[in-house]
Amino acid sequence: MIAAVSVLAALLLGWLGQFYLINTDCTMDYEKNNLKENVWVEEDETGKLWMCRKGVACSADIILPTVMDANGNMLFWDDNFDKDQKEGYGFTLRQRKVDALAILDMGITEERTLIEGYDSSSIDYVFYYDDRTDTRYTLWEKQD
């Protein structure tokens, strides 16, 4: 009886641990995941901006957007954000702590996502924001 209860308890703890790891997300580390080579922004001929990802960056489960004002305050992160002084667009890529779908080869090697609501005339730059270290990495800047 003790052995059966112990086995059931171990299985339950294993299941709960797996549930936690699969359903808890974390920010993709810019340097560890080589996002400098795997994430960039392109401007098309109409002035629209596209976030492009390849390799490990395609495994992100969540793209968390933000906007920065002229004072460096960010929407959703800073209480002093000034919506009338929008200057930059940023995003954070988040993935599961243990990506259960990583064992499946989805065949996605490159992905392009339109940065909706913004074009090259409305913002000065696009950045990747690492919320763990409060670091911004510039991905695109307006050319004068």
Protein backbone atom coordinates (compact mmCIF):
# COMPACT_ATOMS: atom_id res chain seq x y z
CA MET A 1 0.00 0.00 0.00
CA ILE A 2 2.84 2.41 0.90
CA ALA A 3 4.62 1.62 -2.37
CA ALA A 4 1.44 2.29 -4.39
CA VAL A 5 0.82 5.62 -2.65
CA SER A 6 4.48 6.58 -3.15
CA VAL A 7 4.31 5.79 -6.87
CA LEU A 8 1.07 7.78 -7.25
CA ALA A 9 2.56 10.73 -5.34
CA ALA A 10 5.69 10.67 -7.52
CA LEU A 11 3.57 10.56 -10.69
CA LEU A 12 1.42 13.43 -9.46
CA LEU A 13 4.46 15.55 -8.58
CA GLY A 14 6.01 14.80 -11.98
CA TRP A 15 2.79 15.76 -13.76
CA LEU A 16 2.49 19.00 -11.74
CA GLY A 17 6.13 19.87 -12.46
CA GLN A 18 5.67 19.27 -16.17
CA PHE A 19 2.44 21.32 -16.13
CA TYR A 20 4.31 24.20 -14.46
CA LEU A 21 7.24 24.11 -16.91
CA ILE A 22 5.02 23.91 -19.99
CA ASN A 23 2.63 26.64 -18.88
CA THR A 24 5.12 29.15 -17.46
CA ASP A 25 6.78 31.48 -19.91
CA CYS A 26 10.06 33.40 -19.68
CA THR A 27 11.78 36.06 -21.73
CA MET A 28 14.10 34.83 -24.47
CA ASP A 29 17.62 35.90 -23.60
CA TYR A 30 18.92 38.17 -26.38
CA GLU A 31 22.51 36.97 -26.19
CA LYS A 32 21.99 33.31 -25.22
CA ASN A 33 19.49 32.79 -28.05
CA ASN A 34 21.62 34.79 -30.51
CA LEU A 35 18.69 37.09 -31.27
CA LYS A 36 21.09 39.58 -32.89
CA GLU A 37 21.29 37.15 -35.80
CA ASN A 38 17.76 35.75 -35.53
CA VAL A 39 15.55 38.85 -35.13
CA TRP A 40 15.51 41.95 -37.32
CA VAL A 41 13.13 44.56 -38.70
CA GLU A 42 12.62 45.40 -42.37
CA GLU A 43 10.86 48.34 -43.97
CA ASP A 44 8.96 47.56 -47.18
CA GLU A 45 8.47 49.89 -50.16
CA THR A 46 5.25 51.30 -48.65
CA GLY A 47 6.94 52.24 -45.36
CA LYS A 48 5.40 49.38 -43.34
CA LEU A 49 7.62 47.72 -40.79
CA TRP A 50 7.99 43.94 -40.47
CA MET A 51 9.47 42.00 -37.58
CA CYS A 52 11.42 39.07 -39.05
CA ARG A 53 12.48 36.02 -37.07
CA LYS A 54 14.40 32.89 -37.93
CA GLY A 55 15.78 29.87 -36.16
CA VAL A 56 15.25 29.70 -32.41
CA ALA A 57 13.39 33.04 -32.42
CA CYS A 58 10.52 31.31 -34.28
CA SER A 59 9.95 29.15 -31.18
CA ALA A 60 8.65 32.15 -29.20
CA ASP A 61 5.14 31.51 -27.95
CA ILE A 62 4.35 35.14 -27.09
CA ILE A 63 5.30 38.44 -28.71
CA LEU A 64 4.80 41.07 -26.03
CA PRO A 65 4.69 44.57 -27.62
CA THR A 66 5.44 47.92 -26.01
CA VAL A 67 5.87 51.55 -27.08
CA MET A 68 8.48 53.97 -25.74
CA ASP A 69 7.99 57.71 -25.29
CA ALA A 70 10.62 60.44 -25.82
CA ASN A 71 11.62 60.19 -22.13
CA GLY A 72 12.42 56.47 -22.31
CA ASN A 73 9.25 55.38 -20.47
CA MET A 74 7.50 52.33 -21.84
CA LEU A 75 3.81 51.54 -22.16
CA PHE A 76 2.81 48.67 -19.80
CA TRP A 77 6.14 48.94 -17.91
CA ASP A 78 6.31 52.55 -16.65
CA ASP A 79 3.63 54.62 -14.90
CA ASN A 80 5.01 57.87 -16.38
CA PHE A 81 4.50 56.82 -20.03
CA ASP A 82 3.45 59.84 -22.17
CA LYS A 83 1.16 58.60 -24.97
CA ASP A 84 1.53 61.91 -26.85
CA GLN A 85 5.30 61.49 -27.27
CA LYS A 86 5.56 58.03 -28.85
CA GLU A 87 9.02 57.51 -30.24
CA GLY A 88 9.91 53.84 -30.45
CA TYR A 89 8.21 50.46 -30.76
CA GLY A 90 9.56 47.45 -28.92
CA PHE A 91 8.75 43.86 -28.21
CA THR A 92 9.81 41.01 -26.01
CA LEU A 93 9.80 37.40 -27.16
CA ARG A 94 8.66 34.91 -24.54
CA GLN A 95 8.66 31.13 -24.65
CA ARG A 96 7.73 28.31 -22.34
CA LYS A 97 10.34 27.28 -19.81
CA VAL A 98 10.15 23.86 -21.38
CA ASP A 99 8.71 24.00 -24.85
CA ALA A 100 6.72 20.80 -25.16
CA LEU A 101 6.25 21.39 -28.87
CA ALA A 102 10.00 21.65 -29.49
CA ILE A 103 10.10 17.91 -30.12
CA LEU A 104 7.86 18.44 -33.13
CA ASP A 105 9.62 19.83 -36.18
CA MET A 106 7.08 22.41 -37.30
CA GLY A 107 9.25 23.29 -40.28
CA ILE A 108 9.13 27.03 -39.48
CA THR A 109 12.53 28.44 -40.36
CA GLU A 110 11.59 32.08 -40.94
CA GLU A 111 8.59 34.19 -40.07
CA ARG A 112 7.55 37.78 -40.89
CA THR A 113 5.01 39.69 -38.78
CA LEU A 114 3.61 43.10 -39.68
CA ILE A 115 4.13 45.65 -36.91
CA GLU A 116 0.48 46.70 -36.91
CA GLY A 117 -0.45 50.34 -36.49
CA TYR A 118 3.07 51.65 -36.99
CA ASP A 119 5.06 52.56 -40.05
CA SER A 120 8.39 54.24 -40.63
CA SER A 121 6.82 57.71 -40.54
CA SER A 122 5.28 57.29 -37.08
CA ILE A 123 8.23 55.94 -35.04
CA ASP A 124 11.97 56.55 -34.94
CA TYR A 125 13.18 53.08 -34.03
CA VAL A 126 12.24 49.50 -33.15
CA PHE A 127 13.94 47.63 -30.32
CA TYR A 128 14.00 44.28 -28.55
CA TYR A 129 13.33 44.69 -24.83
CA ASP A 130 14.80 42.23 -22.34
CA ASP A 131 12.58 42.79 -19.31
CA ARG A 132 14.82 40.68 -17.05
CA THR A 133 17.76 43.06 -17.41
CA ASP A 134 15.85 46.21 -18.49
CA THR A 135 17.99 46.32 -21.65
CA ARG A 136 16.93 47.61 -25.08
CA TYR A 137 18.57 46.32 -28.26
CA THR A 138 17.97 48.49 -31.35
CA LEU A 139 16.73 46.48 -34.35
CA TRP A 140 15.79 49.29 -36.76
CA GLU A 141 16.24 53.06 -36.92
CA LYS A 142 14.61 55.60 -39.20
CA GLN A 143 16.93 56.75 -41.96
CA ASP A 144 16.95 60.50 -42.61
